[in-house]
Protein backbone atom coordinates (compact mmCIF):
# COMPACT_ATOMS: atom_id res chain seq x y z
CA MET A 1 28.74 -33.90 2.15
CA ASP A 2 30.27 -31.44 -0.31
CA LYS A 3 32.97 -29.32 1.31
CA GLY A 4 31.46 -26.08 0.05
CA TYR A 5 28.16 -26.88 1.85
CA ILE A 6 29.96 -27.90 5.08
CA LYS A 7 31.75 -24.52 5.06
CA SER A 8 28.46 -22.59 4.40
CA PHE A 9 26.50 -24.62 6.98
CA ILE A 10 29.21 -24.10 9.68
CA LEU A 11 29.29 -20.36 8.84
CA VAL A 12 25.41 -20.08 9.21
CA LEU A 13 25.48 -22.17 12.43
CA CYS A 14 28.34 -20.23 14.11
CA LEU A 15 26.82 -16.81 13.35
CA SER A 16 23.45 -17.86 14.63
CA VAL A 17 24.68 -18.12 18.24
CA LEU A 18 26.15 -14.48 18.35
CA PRO A 19 24.71 -12.41 21.23
CA ILE A 20 22.18 -10.35 19.27
CA SER A 21 18.58 -9.74 20.06
CA PHE A 22 15.81 -10.32 17.47
CA LEU A 23 12.34 -9.27 15.79
CA LEU A 24 10.31 -10.66 12.60
CA GLY A 25 10.17 -10.88 8.73
CA GLN A 26 11.13 -14.20 7.14
CA THR A 27 11.20 -15.31 3.53
CA VAL A 28 8.82 -17.77 2.03
CA PRO A 29 11.16 -20.52 0.67
CA LEU A 30 10.64 -21.44 -2.95
CA ASN A 31 10.15 -25.16 -2.00
CA THR A 32 7.34 -24.64 0.48
CA PRO A 33 4.22 -26.29 -0.82
CA VAL A 34 1.12 -24.31 -1.61
CA LEU A 35 2.13 -20.83 -0.35
CA GLU A 36 3.65 -19.35 -3.43
CA ASP A 37 0.82 -20.29 -5.72
CA TYR A 38 -1.54 -19.00 -3.06
CA MET A 39 0.13 -15.58 -2.83
CA ARG A 40 0.13 -15.12 -6.55
CA ARG A 41 -3.51 -15.91 -6.85
CA MET A 42 -4.39 -13.51 -4.06
CA GLN A 43 -2.53 -10.77 -5.86
CA LEU A 44 -4.65 -11.34 -8.98
CA LEU A 45 -7.73 -11.15 -6.83
CA GLY A 46 -6.65 -7.82 -5.28
CA ARG A 47 -6.13 -9.08 -1.83
CA LEU A 48 -2.32 -8.50 -1.80
CA ASP A 49 -0.38 -5.48 -2.86
CA ASP A 50 -0.24 -5.20 -6.67
CA LYS A 51 3.18 -3.45 -6.61
CA ALA A 52 5.07 -6.73 -6.01
CA SER A 53 6.37 -8.03 -9.34
CA PHE A 54 6.95 -11.78 -8.27
CA ALA A 55 10.06 -11.58 -10.49
CA ILE A 56 12.53 -11.69 -7.60
CA ARG A 57 12.11 -14.55 -5.26
CA PRO A 58 12.06 -15.74 -2.53
CA LEU A 59 9.65 -12.99 -1.39
CA HIS A 60 9.69 -11.26 1.94
CA PRO A 61 5.92 -11.09 2.52
CA ALA A 62 6.00 -9.24 5.81
CA TYR A 63 7.65 -6.26 3.93
CA ALA A 64 6.21 -6.77 0.45
CA PHE A 65 2.58 -7.15 1.67
CA ASP A 66 2.78 -5.18 4.97
CA ARG A 67 2.00 -8.07 7.31
CA GLU A 68 3.23 -8.72 10.74
CA ASN A 69 4.01 -12.42 9.92
CA GLY A 70 5.18 -13.33 6.46
CA LEU A 71 3.99 -16.90 6.78
CA ASP A 72 0.48 -15.94 7.95
CA LEU A 73 -0.87 -13.53 5.32
CA ASP A 74 -4.52 -14.03 6.28
CA SER A 75 -3.92 -14.07 10.11
CA THR A 76 -5.40 -17.59 10.57
CA PHE A 77 -2.27 -19.64 11.15
CA THR A 78 -0.47 -18.15 14.11
CA ASP A 79 -1.19 -16.24 17.34
CA ILE A 80 2.20 -15.20 18.65
CA ASN A 81 0.79 -14.00 22.01
CA ARG A 82 -0.73 -17.40 22.77
CA SER A 83 1.84 -19.57 20.94
CA LYS A 84 3.82 -22.27 22.67
CA VAL A 85 6.47 -22.20 19.85
CA HIS A 86 6.98 -18.57 18.87
CA HIS A 87 7.71 -16.17 21.66
CA TYR A 88 9.13 -12.77 22.56
CA PHE A 89 12.18 -13.20 24.79
CA ASP A 90 12.52 -9.75 26.32
CA GLN A 91 10.29 -7.59 28.39
CA LYS A 92 10.03 -4.92 25.70
CA ARG A 93 8.72 -7.54 23.24
CA GLU A 94 11.28 -6.48 20.73
CA GLY A 95 13.14 -9.76 20.41
CA LEU A 96 11.29 -12.57 18.76
CA ILE A 97 12.05 -16.20 17.83
CA MET A 98 9.76 -18.13 15.45
CA ALA A 99 9.81 -21.70 14.25
CA MET A 100 9.96 -22.04 10.52
CA PRO A 101 7.44 -24.55 8.81
CA VAL A 102 8.43 -28.16 8.96
CA THR A 103 8.32 -29.38 5.38
CA VAL A 104 8.51 -32.90 4.06
CA ARG A 105 8.56 -33.52 0.28
CA THR A 106 8.57 -37.00 -1.28
CA GLN A 107 8.92 -37.97 -4.89
CA PHE A 108 8.64 -41.34 -6.60
CA ASN A 109 9.87 -42.20 -10.04
CA SER A 110 8.89 -45.65 -11.18
CA ASP A 111 11.29 -46.20 -14.01
CA TYR A 112 13.71 -43.27 -14.72
CA ALA A 113 14.49 -39.79 -13.58
CA PHE A 114 11.98 -37.01 -14.26
CA GLY A 115 11.11 -33.73 -12.63
CA LEU A 116 12.12 -29.99 -12.34
CA ASN A 117 12.16 -27.12 -9.82
CA ASN A 118 12.49 -29.44 -6.82
CA GLY A 119 15.57 -27.77 -5.12
CA ALA A 120 18.07 -30.13 -3.61
CA MET A 121 16.31 -33.30 -5.06
CA ILE A 122 18.40 -35.06 -7.66
CA PRO A 123 17.64 -36.90 -10.86
CA ASN A 124 16.48 -40.14 -9.21
CA SER A 125 14.71 -43.42 -9.86
CA GLY A 126 12.77 -44.69 -6.94
CA PHE A 127 11.93 -42.67 -3.74
CA GLN A 128 13.61 -39.57 -2.51
CA HIS A 129 12.74 -37.37 0.55
CA LEU A 130 13.56 -33.89 1.45
CA ILE A 131 13.03 -32.69 5.02
CA SER A 132 13.49 -29.20 6.27
CA ALA A 133 12.80 -27.27 9.48
CA GLY A 134 14.35 -24.34 11.33
CA LEU A 135 14.16 -21.13 13.25
CA PHE A 136 13.92 -17.45 12.46
CA PHE A 137 15.34 -14.63 14.65
CA LYS A 138 15.01 -10.94 14.06
CA GLU A 139 15.59 -7.79 16.03
CA GLY A 140 15.98 -4.34 14.60
CA LYS A 141 18.06 -4.53 11.51
CA PHE A 142 19.40 -8.01 12.03
CA SER A 143 17.88 -11.28 11.10
CA ILE A 144 18.89 -15.01 10.94
CA GLN A 145 16.98 -17.61 9.19
CA LEU A 146 18.18 -21.26 9.81
CA GLN A 147 16.41 -23.76 7.76
CA PRO A 148 18.69 -26.73 6.81
CA GLU A 149 17.56 -29.52 4.50
CA PHE A 150 18.20 -33.29 4.75
CA LEU A 151 17.95 -35.27 1.48
CA LEU A 152 17.60 -39.10 1.32
CA ALA A 153 17.46 -40.46 -2.19
CA GLN A 154 17.10 -44.20 -3.07
CA ASN A 155 19.05 -43.41 -6.36
CA ARG A 156 18.20 -46.74 -8.09
CA ASP A 157 20.02 -47.71 -11.24
CA TYR A 158 18.05 -46.97 -14.39
CA MET A 159 18.64 -47.03 -18.10
CA GLY A 160 20.26 -43.75 -19.27
CA PHE A 161 21.81 -42.99 -22.61
CA PRO A 162 21.72 -46.37 -24.51
CA ILE A 163 25.21 -47.77 -25.17
CA GLU A 164 23.64 -49.18 -28.39
CA HIS A 165 23.70 -45.57 -29.61
CA GLN A 166 27.28 -46.15 -30.92
CA SER A 167 27.08 -43.84 -33.86
CA THR A 168 25.42 -41.15 -31.73
CA ILE A 169 27.42 -41.09 -28.45
CA LEU A 170 30.21 -39.10 -30.04
CA PHE A 171 27.73 -36.33 -30.90
CA TYR A 172 26.19 -36.65 -27.45
CA TYR A 173 29.51 -36.02 -25.77
CA GLU A 174 29.93 -32.82 -27.65
CA TYR A 175 27.39 -31.64 -25.06
CA MET A 176 28.38 -33.71 -22.10
CA ASN A 177 31.99 -32.36 -22.35
CA ARG A 178 30.55 -28.80 -22.06
CA ILE A 179 28.26 -29.19 -19.02
CA ASP A 180 28.23 -30.92 -15.65
CA MET A 181 24.90 -32.84 -15.82
CA PRO A 182 25.29 -36.39 -14.77
CA GLU A 183 22.42 -38.80 -15.38
CA ARG A 184 22.88 -40.53 -11.93
CA PHE A 185 24.52 -39.26 -8.84
CA GLY A 186 26.71 -42.24 -7.94
CA THR A 187 25.86 -45.92 -7.64
CA GLY A 188 24.11 -46.11 -4.34
CA PRO A 189 21.84 -44.17 -2.09
CA TYR A 190 22.41 -40.49 -2.00
CA ASN A 191 22.09 -38.76 1.42
CA ARG A 192 23.04 -35.12 2.18
CA LEU A 193 22.67 -32.57 4.92
CA LEU A 194 22.54 -29.08 3.28
CA PRO A 195 22.28 -25.55 4.69
CA GLY A 196 19.08 -25.13 2.75
CA GLN A 197 17.00 -22.05 2.99
CA SER A 198 19.22 -20.24 5.44
CA SER A 199 20.49 -16.66 5.66
CA ILE A 200 22.06 -14.02 7.80
CA ARG A 201 21.00 -10.43 6.93
CA PHE A 202 21.33 -6.84 7.84
CA ASN A 203 18.13 -5.00 6.90
CA PRO A 204 18.35 -1.15 6.91
CA GLY A 205 15.00 0.24 5.88
CA ASN A 206 13.54 -1.48 2.84
CA PHE A 207 16.96 -3.04 1.80
CA SER A 208 18.72 -6.18 2.82
CA PHE A 209 22.45 -7.21 2.74
CA GLY A 210 23.62 -10.66 3.75
CA ILE A 211 24.83 -14.19 3.10
CA SER A 212 22.41 -16.85 2.02
CA THR A 213 22.05 -20.33 0.68
CA GLU A 214 18.38 -19.93 -0.32
CA ASN A 215 17.09 -20.93 -3.65
CA LEU A 216 16.51 -17.99 -6.07
CA TRP A 217 14.04 -17.40 -8.86
CA TRP A 218 14.46 -14.51 -11.31
CA GLY A 219 11.84 -13.66 -13.87
CA PRO A 220 8.02 -13.54 -14.02
CA SER A 221 7.28 -17.17 -15.17
CA ARG A 222 5.64 -19.88 -13.12
CA ARG A 223 7.14 -23.07 -14.63
CA ASN A 224 10.45 -22.31 -16.47
CA SER A 225 12.81 -19.44 -15.65
CA LEU A 226 15.58 -18.78 -18.20
CA ILE A 227 18.09 -17.25 -15.78
CA LEU A 228 17.61 -18.58 -12.12
CA SER A 229 15.17 -21.08 -10.80
CA ASN A 230 14.90 -23.55 -7.91
CA ASN A 231 15.80 -26.56 -10.11
CA ALA A 232 19.16 -26.91 -8.35
CA PRO A 233 20.17 -26.78 -4.69
CA GLY A 234 20.56 -23.37 -3.29
CA PHE A 235 24.19 -22.01 -3.46
CA LEU A 236 26.21 -19.92 -1.00
CA HIS A 237 25.91 -16.30 -2.08
CA PHE A 238 26.20 -12.73 -0.96
CA THR A 239 22.91 -10.74 -1.66
CA ALA A 240 21.95 -7.08 -1.68
CA ASN A 241 18.28 -6.72 -2.41
CA THR A 242 15.16 -4.79 -1.86
CA LEU A 243 12.70 -6.15 0.68
CA LYS A 244 9.61 -4.50 -0.96
CA PRO A 245 8.91 -2.36 -3.95
CA ILE A 246 10.64 1.07 -3.45
CA LYS A 247 8.43 4.05 -4.29
CA THR A 248 9.89 6.84 -6.32
CA ALA A 249 8.49 9.75 -8.33
CA VAL A 250 8.36 7.61 -11.51
CA GLY A 251 7.11 4.39 -10.01
CA HIS A 252 8.22 1.40 -7.96
CA PHE A 253 11.58 -0.42 -8.19
CA GLU A 254 12.73 -3.82 -7.02
CA GLY A 255 16.27 -5.27 -7.50
CA GLN A 256 18.89 -7.70 -6.29
CA PHE A 257 22.64 -8.22 -6.76
CA ILE A 258 24.25 -11.56 -6.02
CA SER A 259 27.71 -13.00 -5.97
CA GLY A 260 27.92 -16.74 -5.25
CA LEU A 261 29.80 -19.93 -5.27
CA LEU A 262 28.78 -22.75 -7.70
CA GLN A 263 30.05 -26.27 -7.02
CA PRO A 264 30.75 -29.27 -9.34
CA SER A 265 28.81 -32.47 -8.88
CA GLY A 266 31.83 -34.85 -8.62
CA PHE A 267 30.01 -37.37 -10.84
CA LEU A 268 30.67 -38.40 -14.48
CA PRO A 269 28.32 -38.58 -17.52
CA PRO A 270 27.11 -42.00 -18.82
CA HIS A 271 29.81 -44.33 -20.39
CA PRO A 272 32.76 -42.19 -19.58
CA ASP A 273 35.33 -44.96 -20.66
CA TYR A 274 33.73 -45.39 -24.07
CA SER A 275 35.99 -44.94 -27.06
CA ILE A 276 35.46 -44.75 -30.77
CA GLN A 277 38.38 -46.02 -32.89
CA GLY A 278 40.69 -45.65 -29.94
CA ASN A 279 39.58 -42.13 -29.17
CA PRO A 280 37.82 -41.60 -25.73
CA VAL A 281 34.58 -39.70 -26.16
CA MET A 282 34.92 -37.96 -22.72
CA ILE A 283 37.30 -35.02 -22.26
CA PRO A 284 37.97 -34.62 -18.56
CA LYS A 285 37.08 -31.21 -17.04
CA ARG A 286 39.41 -29.17 -15.00
CA GLU A 287 39.93 -30.58 -11.50
CA ASN A 288 38.68 -27.32 -9.64
CA GLY A 289 35.16 -26.86 -10.93
CA GLU A 290 34.29 -24.06 -8.52
CA ARG A 291 32.79 -21.06 -10.19
CA ASN A 292 31.61 -17.53 -9.28
CA LEU A 293 28.22 -16.59 -10.35
CA SER A 294 27.44 -12.94 -10.18
CA GLY A 295 24.13 -11.45 -11.26
CA ILE A 296 21.84 -8.44 -11.17
CA ILE A 297 18.05 -8.04 -11.68
CA ILE A 298 15.90 -4.88 -11.77
CA SER A 299 12.15 -4.65 -11.91
CA TYR A 300 10.29 -1.38 -12.61
CA GLN A 301 6.57 -0.70 -12.20
CA PRO A 302 5.80 2.59 -14.01
CA LYS A 303 3.35 4.83 -12.05
CA TRP A 304 1.51 5.74 -15.26
CA VAL A 305 0.63 2.08 -16.12
CA PRO A 306 -0.79 0.31 -13.12
CA GLY A 307 -0.22 -3.39 -13.18
CA LEU A 308 2.69 -3.38 -15.61
CA PHE A 309 6.19 -4.63 -14.68
CA LEU A 310 9.28 -4.24 -16.82
CA GLY A 311 12.67 -5.78 -15.97
CA TYR A 312 16.19 -6.76 -16.91
CA SER A 313 18.55 -9.47 -15.50
CA ALA A 314 22.02 -10.54 -16.29
CA THR A 315 24.44 -13.12 -14.93
CA ASN A 316 28.12 -14.03 -15.33
CA ASN A 317 29.50 -17.51 -14.68
CA ILE A 318 33.30 -17.91 -14.57
CA TYR A 319 35.86 -20.26 -13.00
CA ILE A 320 37.25 -18.80 -9.85
CA GLU A 321 40.79 -19.45 -11.07
CA ASP A 322 40.04 -17.30 -14.15
CA GLN A 323 38.84 -14.20 -12.27
CA GLU A 324 41.17 -11.18 -12.85
CA ARG A 325 39.25 -8.16 -13.92
CA LEU A 326 36.33 -6.20 -12.43
CA GLY A 327 34.08 -7.62 -15.16
CA ASP A 328 34.78 -11.09 -14.01
CA TYR A 329 33.04 -10.22 -10.69
CA VAL A 330 30.08 -8.07 -11.65
CA PRO A 331 27.83 -8.65 -14.71
CA PHE A 332 27.31 -5.00 -15.61
CA PHE A 333 31.03 -4.34 -16.36
CA ASN A 334 31.62 -7.46 -18.50
CA GLY A 335 29.92 -6.75 -21.85
CA GLN A 336 32.92 -6.82 -24.23
CA LYS A 337 30.64 -6.06 -27.14
CA GLY A 338 31.82 -7.43 -30.45
CA ARG A 339 31.31 -9.97 -33.29
CA ASN A 340 30.84 -13.61 -32.16
CA ASN A 341 33.15 -14.86 -34.95
CA VAL A 342 36.07 -12.70 -33.57
CA ARG A 343 37.94 -14.45 -30.75
CA ASN A 344 38.02 -12.51 -27.50
CA THR A 345 39.92 -14.28 -24.78
CA ILE A 346 38.56 -12.11 -21.97
CA ARG A 347 34.89 -12.43 -23.05
CA ASP A 348 34.99 -16.05 -24.15
CA ARG A 349 36.12 -17.40 -20.67
CA ARG A 350 32.78 -16.10 -19.23
CA GLN A 351 29.41 -17.76 -19.59
CA GLN A 352 26.97 -14.84 -19.75
CA PHE A 353 23.10 -14.64 -19.91
CA SER A 354 20.85 -11.71 -19.90
CA SER A 355 17.11 -11.28 -20.37
CA GLY A 356 14.38 -8.61 -20.43
CA PHE A 357 10.97 -9.44 -19.11
CA PHE A 358 7.52 -8.06 -18.48
CA ARG A 359 4.47 -8.90 -16.36
CA TRP A 360 1.04 -7.26 -16.62
CA ILE A 361 -1.62 -8.03 -14.04
CA SER A 362 -5.25 -6.95 -13.90
CA THR A 363 -6.78 -7.20 -10.41
CA GLU A 364 -10.18 -6.27 -11.91
CA GLY A 365 -10.01 -9.15 -14.49
CA HIS A 366 -8.06 -11.55 -12.23
CA PHE A 367 -5.60 -11.92 -15.06
CA GLU A 368 -1.78 -11.97 -15.71
CA PHE A 369 0.23 -12.07 -18.84
CA TYR A 370 4.04 -12.29 -18.71
CA GLY A 371 7.08 -12.93 -20.91
CA GLU A 372 10.84 -13.19 -20.86
CA TYR A 373 13.22 -12.96 -23.76
CA GLY A 374 16.86 -13.77 -23.08
CA THR A 375 20.19 -14.25 -24.93
CA ASN A 376 22.92 -16.82 -24.44
CA GLY A 377 25.70 -14.31 -24.00
CA ASN A 378 25.17 -10.62 -23.40
CA SER A 379 28.05 -9.36 -25.63
CA ARG A 380 26.19 -8.85 -28.91
CA ARG A 381 26.18 -5.35 -30.50
CA LEU A 382 22.85 -3.62 -30.81
CA ALA A 383 23.06 -3.65 -34.55
CA ASP A 384 23.58 -7.42 -34.60
CA PHE A 385 20.69 -7.91 -32.33
CA ILE A 386 18.40 -5.72 -34.49
CA ILE A 387 19.31 -7.74 -37.59
CA THR A 388 18.97 -11.22 -36.09
CA PRO A 389 17.18 -11.02 -32.70
CA GLU A 390 16.47 -14.83 -32.85
CA ARG A 391 20.19 -15.77 -32.61
CA ASN A 392 21.09 -17.55 -29.38
CA ARG A 393 17.74 -16.52 -27.96
CA GLY A 394 15.45 -18.19 -25.35
CA PHE A 395 11.97 -17.07 -24.36
CA THR A 396 9.03 -17.76 -22.16
CA PHE A 397 5.41 -16.50 -22.53
CA GLY A 398 2.51 -17.33 -20.21
CA PHE A 399 -0.80 -16.20 -18.79
CA SER A 400 -3.15 -17.09 -15.88
CA ASN A 401 -6.79 -16.18 -15.49
CA LEU A 402 -9.08 -16.74 -12.52
CA MET A 403 -12.82 -16.79 -13.56
CA PRO A 404 -15.37 -16.60 -10.75
CA LEU A 405 -17.69 -19.46 -10.11
CA LYS A 406 -21.18 -19.22 -8.61
CA LYS A 407 -20.02 -20.09 -5.13
CA GLU A 408 -18.21 -17.55 -3.20
CA LYS A 409 -14.32 -17.44 -3.27
CA GLN A 410 -14.28 -20.23 -5.90
CA PHE A 411 -12.69 -19.86 -9.28
CA LEU A 412 -11.83 -21.70 -12.47
CA GLN A 413 -8.09 -21.09 -13.11
CA ILE A 414 -6.82 -21.45 -16.69
CA SER A 415 -3.08 -21.05 -17.18
CA ALA A 416 -0.49 -21.75 -19.96
CA GLU A 417 3.07 -21.27 -20.61
CA MET A 418 5.46 -21.83 -23.45
CA SER A 419 9.25 -21.88 -23.19
CA GLN A 420 11.95 -22.39 -25.80
CA THR A 421 15.67 -22.42 -25.56
CA GLY A 422 16.31 -24.57 -28.64
CA GLN A 423 17.81 -22.50 -31.43
CA THR A 424 16.45 -21.82 -34.92
CA ILE A 425 19.60 -20.78 -36.62
CA ARG A 426 21.76 -23.54 -38.21
CA GLU A 427 25.04 -21.71 -37.41
CA SER A 428 24.20 -21.41 -33.78
CA ILE A 429 23.38 -25.16 -33.63
CA ARG A 430 26.51 -26.26 -35.42
CA ASN A 431 28.64 -23.84 -33.26
CA LEU A 432 27.14 -25.42 -30.12
CA ASP A 433 25.77 -21.99 -28.97
CA THR A 434 23.30 -24.04 -26.85
CA TRP A 435 21.81 -22.63 -23.63
CA TYR A 436 23.60 -23.74 -20.45
CA ILE A 437 26.59 -25.34 -22.11
CA HIS A 438 29.93 -23.60 -22.74
CA ASN A 439 33.21 -24.15 -24.53
CA HIS A 440 35.39 -22.68 -21.79
CA VAL A 441 33.23 -23.01 -18.63
CA ARG A 442 32.83 -26.71 -19.20
CA HIS A 443 30.90 -27.29 -16.06
CA GLY A 444 28.19 -25.18 -17.71
CA TYR A 445 25.38 -23.18 -16.03
CA THR A 446 24.99 -25.69 -13.28
CA HIS A 447 25.39 -26.16 -9.40
CA ASN A 448 25.94 -29.58 -7.99
CA GLY A 449 25.17 -31.19 -11.39
CA GLN A 450 21.88 -29.49 -12.00
CA VAL A 451 20.90 -26.63 -14.32
CA LEU A 452 20.31 -23.28 -12.61
CA GLY A 453 17.80 -22.10 -15.18
CA MET A 454 15.25 -24.07 -17.10
CA GLY A 455 14.84 -27.40 -15.40
CA TYR A 456 14.56 -29.65 -18.41
CA GLY A 457 18.10 -28.89 -19.48
CA PRO A 458 19.79 -27.38 -22.53
CA ALA A 459 17.83 -26.50 -25.58
CA ALA A 460 14.51 -27.71 -24.16
CA ASN A 461 11.12 -26.57 -25.72
CA VAL A 462 8.15 -26.87 -23.30
CA ASN A 463 4.45 -26.22 -23.67
CA TRP A 464 2.29 -26.45 -20.53
CA ILE A 465 -1.45 -25.86 -19.82
CA GLU A 466 -3.53 -25.95 -16.62
CA ILE A 467 -7.29 -26.03 -15.92
CA GLY A 468 -8.26 -26.17 -12.31
CA TRP A 469 -10.69 -25.23 -9.51
CA VAL A 470 -9.28 -23.05 -6.74
CA LYS A 471 -10.54 -21.65 -3.51
CA GLU A 472 -8.22 -19.83 -1.01
CA PHE A 473 -5.34 -22.20 -0.41
CA SER A 474 -7.02 -25.12 -2.19
CA ARG A 475 -6.66 -26.24 -5.78
CA ILE A 476 -7.55 -29.30 -7.92
CA ALA A 477 -6.17 -29.07 -11.37
CA PHE A 478 -5.35 -30.98 -14.47
CA HIS A 479 -2.03 -30.21 -16.23
CA PHE A 480 -0.68 -31.29 -19.59
CA GLU A 481 2.92 -30.73 -20.70
CA ARG A 482 4.80 -31.45 -23.83
CA ILE A 483 8.60 -31.49 -23.47
CA VAL A 484 11.11 -31.66 -26.34
CA TYR A 485 14.53 -32.40 -24.91
CA ASN A 486 17.62 -30.72 -26.34
CA ASN A 487 16.28 -29.79 -29.74
CA ASP A 488 19.73 -28.50 -30.70
CA PHE A 489 21.27 -31.92 -30.25
CA TYR A 490 18.47 -33.40 -32.43
CA TYR A 491 19.42 -31.11 -35.34
CA PHE A 492 23.15 -31.32 -34.57
CA ARG A 493 23.00 -35.18 -34.81
CA TYR A 494 20.24 -35.83 -37.41
CA GLU A 495 20.47 -32.88 -39.76
CA ALA A 496 22.08 -34.98 -42.50
CA SER A 497 19.28 -37.56 -42.43
CA LYS A 498 16.57 -35.03 -41.78
CA ASP A 499 14.75 -37.84 -39.85
CA TRP A 500 12.12 -36.12 -37.75
CA ARG A 501 11.14 -39.47 -36.13
CA ASN A 502 14.16 -39.27 -33.73
CA LYS A 503 12.90 -36.35 -31.52
CA TYR A 504 13.08 -37.09 -27.82
CA VAL A 505 9.62 -36.04 -26.49
CA ASP A 506 7.66 -36.48 -23.26
CA LEU A 507 3.83 -36.11 -23.14
CA VAL A 508 2.93 -35.60 -19.45
CA PRO A 509 -0.67 -35.44 -18.15
CA SER A 510 -0.83 -34.60 -14.44
CA LEU A 511 -3.42 -34.36 -11.61
CA VAL A 512 -2.53 -31.73 -8.95
CA ALA A 513 -4.08 -31.07 -5.57
CA ASP A 514 -3.37 -28.42 -2.95
CA TRP A 515 -5.26 -28.35 0.28
CA ARG A 516 -5.18 -26.81 3.64
CA PHE A 517 -6.05 -28.86 6.86
CA GLY A 518 -5.80 -26.35 9.66
CA ASN A 519 -2.21 -25.40 9.92
CA LEU A 520 -1.12 -28.22 7.56
CA LEU A 521 -0.60 -27.56 3.88
CA PHE A 522 -0.82 -30.46 1.50
CA HIS A 523 0.42 -30.76 -2.12
CA GLY A 524 0.08 -33.69 -4.34
CA ASN A 525 1.09 -34.20 -7.95
CA PHE A 526 0.53 -37.52 -9.88
CA GLN A 527 2.06 -37.63 -13.34
CA TYR A 528 2.11 -40.14 -16.16
CA VAL A 529 5.13 -39.66 -18.41
CA ASN A 530 4.86 -41.01 -21.98
CA THR A 531 8.30 -40.86 -23.45
CA LEU A 532 8.80 -41.10 -27.24
CA ASN A 533 12.22 -42.08 -28.58
CA TYR A 534 13.93 -42.10 -25.10
CA LYS A 535 17.34 -40.43 -25.46
CA TRP A 536 16.66 -40.07 -29.22
CA PHE A 537 16.92 -43.79 -29.69
CA LEU A 538 15.18 -45.28 -32.85
CA GLU A 539 16.23 -48.35 -34.83
CA ASN A 540 15.41 -48.21 -38.54
CA GLN A 541 13.66 -51.12 -40.27
CA PRO A 542 14.54 -51.44 -44.03
CA ASP A 543 11.01 -52.55 -44.98
CA GLN A 544 9.02 -50.31 -42.59
CA TYR A 545 9.23 -46.50 -42.24
CA PHE A 546 6.84 -45.85 -39.23
CA VAL A 547 8.58 -47.97 -36.55
CA PRO A 548 8.27 -47.32 -32.81
CA GLY A 549 11.40 -45.87 -31.15
CA LEU A 550 12.55 -46.58 -27.62
CA ASP A 551 9.24 -45.52 -26.16
CA LYS A 552 9.02 -45.76 -22.34
CA ASN A 553 6.49 -44.94 -19.57
CA ASN A 554 7.12 -43.59 -16.11
CA ILE A 555 4.85 -42.99 -13.13
CA VAL A 556 5.87 -39.98 -11.03
CA ALA A 557 4.16 -39.13 -7.65
CA THR A 558 5.02 -36.19 -5.53
CA VAL A 559 3.69 -35.34 -2.18
CA GLY A 560 4.56 -32.31 -0.02
CA LEU A 561 3.49 -31.50 3.49
CA SER A 562 4.23 -28.26 5.40
CA TYR A 563 3.12 -27.48 8.88
CA ILE A 564 3.10 -23.95 10.08
CA PHE A 565 3.39 -23.78 13.87
CA ARG A 566 0.49 -22.01 15.66
C-alpha cells in the first residue's frame, strides 16, 4: 500500500477512538450508486431545496436539505428508534452511531482499459472490485466518518501504445514525460486498502473544518469536471467548507478551501526503455513526486434570480520541495499575471487551473442548463484574455430535462453534455500547453496515476447524450458517447501530413439501469466500445486511401450495489 495512504488511514483510525460523544450528518460519497442522480432529479422536481448548487460535492444532505438523516431523504430507508444497527448511546439521545452503506462495485473490461469517474478503480483489463463500508459518529460540533475502501483488480496484460509506432513514440513521450499516467499499474494483480471516503470534522454552525480523504467534485457538470472529479482516488486534504448554502442579504453562498497531498503512481509509461538513434524516449521524473494541491471554489445564488448559480474555482499544483512563498500554498495569492512568452520562474513551477461556471434550474419546467469555462493557467492578463479567450481554454456545457409521462411520478429524461479541453490555437498545441500536463510539474495534474479532472485525460473532446425513463430512484436509459482522445497530440504529431484519418476515437453506446429493491440500491451499466485508430495507429497503403486503422472493440460491464442499513 502507498505510504501516504497508510499514514492517512492510521491518522483517521487513531482519531476515531478518541473519547468524544457523537450526533448525525454524513456526506453522500460520490461513488455511492444511484443516490446522487436521485438527489439531482428530486431538486429539479422541486422536492429538495433549490438553493443547493450541486457544484461542491460530496454533499452534506442533512444540512443542505434539512433532513434528520442525510442517507434517507424520503424517510423510507431507516428508523433509528427501531434500528438494530444505528443507535443512540447515551440517555439524552445526543450521541449517535450509524452504519454507512455497504457498497460493492464491480467492473469488467473484456479487452483493454476503459472508464472514468470510478474513484479508486484503476485502468484495468479484466475484473476489478471496490468494496466499502464504515461507520459515522457525530455529537455536537464533532463528526467522524470512517469508510475505507478495498480494491481488488485483476490487472490483466493488454495491448497499449503499439511499439510498431516507431516514428510516433517520440512525439508520444513529449506528453508522457509531462504527466504521471501509466497505461497499466504493474504486471500482476493490483490490491489496495485505502482510507476511502473518511473524514474527521469540526462543524460550527453551517461551516465545517477537518481532514478528509473523500473524493471531491467541483463544478456543475454531470459527466466531466474540468477541475476536480472522482476519476482518481480521494487524496488526503484539509478542508474548510460550508455545509449548506449560507443566506445573506444578496443571496446564498457556498464555498470550500482545500490543501491536500497528491501522490505519484510509482509505475512507468509504456516502453520506458525504448530509444531512437541511441536517445532514450523517457526522461525520468524527480524521485519525490509528492505535490501539494490547494484550491478554492465559491458558488453564489443571487436573490434576484431564483434558480441561477454563478461560481469560480482555482487550483494550484506544486511539488512540495518547491514550496517557498505564500502563493505556493493558496491559489488566490499566486496569479503572477504576465505574458506567457516571458519566463517567470516563480509562476512556471506551479501548475494552475481556474474556471468560471454557472447552473440555472427551473423547478417548474424540471430543467437545468449548466456550463463551465476554464483556463490552463490562471496567470493571464485580462487584456490577453479579452483578445484571445480561446487560448488554453477548456469548457463544458450541458442540460437535463424531465418531461412528465402519463403515469404518476414517471418522467422521460433527456440530457446531453459536451466537453472540450483540446486546443484550437496552433501555438498552444506546439508549446504543449495541453490540459493536465506540465513542463515543470512533470507528474501533471494527477493523483496515484490518474487525472484529477476530466477522466478521459489530456485534451479530450467528448459529446454525450442520454434518453431514459425515470421514477423516484429508478432509471432505465440509453447513453451514447463520442470520445476524441488527446486531440492536441493528434495535431502535434500529424499536422505536417494533415491526415485526418489518424484520430483516436471511441463510439460508445450504453444501457444503464438504476433500481431500488427495499434498502438495496442497484446500478448497472453495459457498454460497447467501438474504437477507431486505437492509440492513433493507422498503416498507410500506397494503392488505397481509405484503409482501416487499428480498430478494436471492448465490452464493459459495471455493476454497483449499495445497502443502506435499516
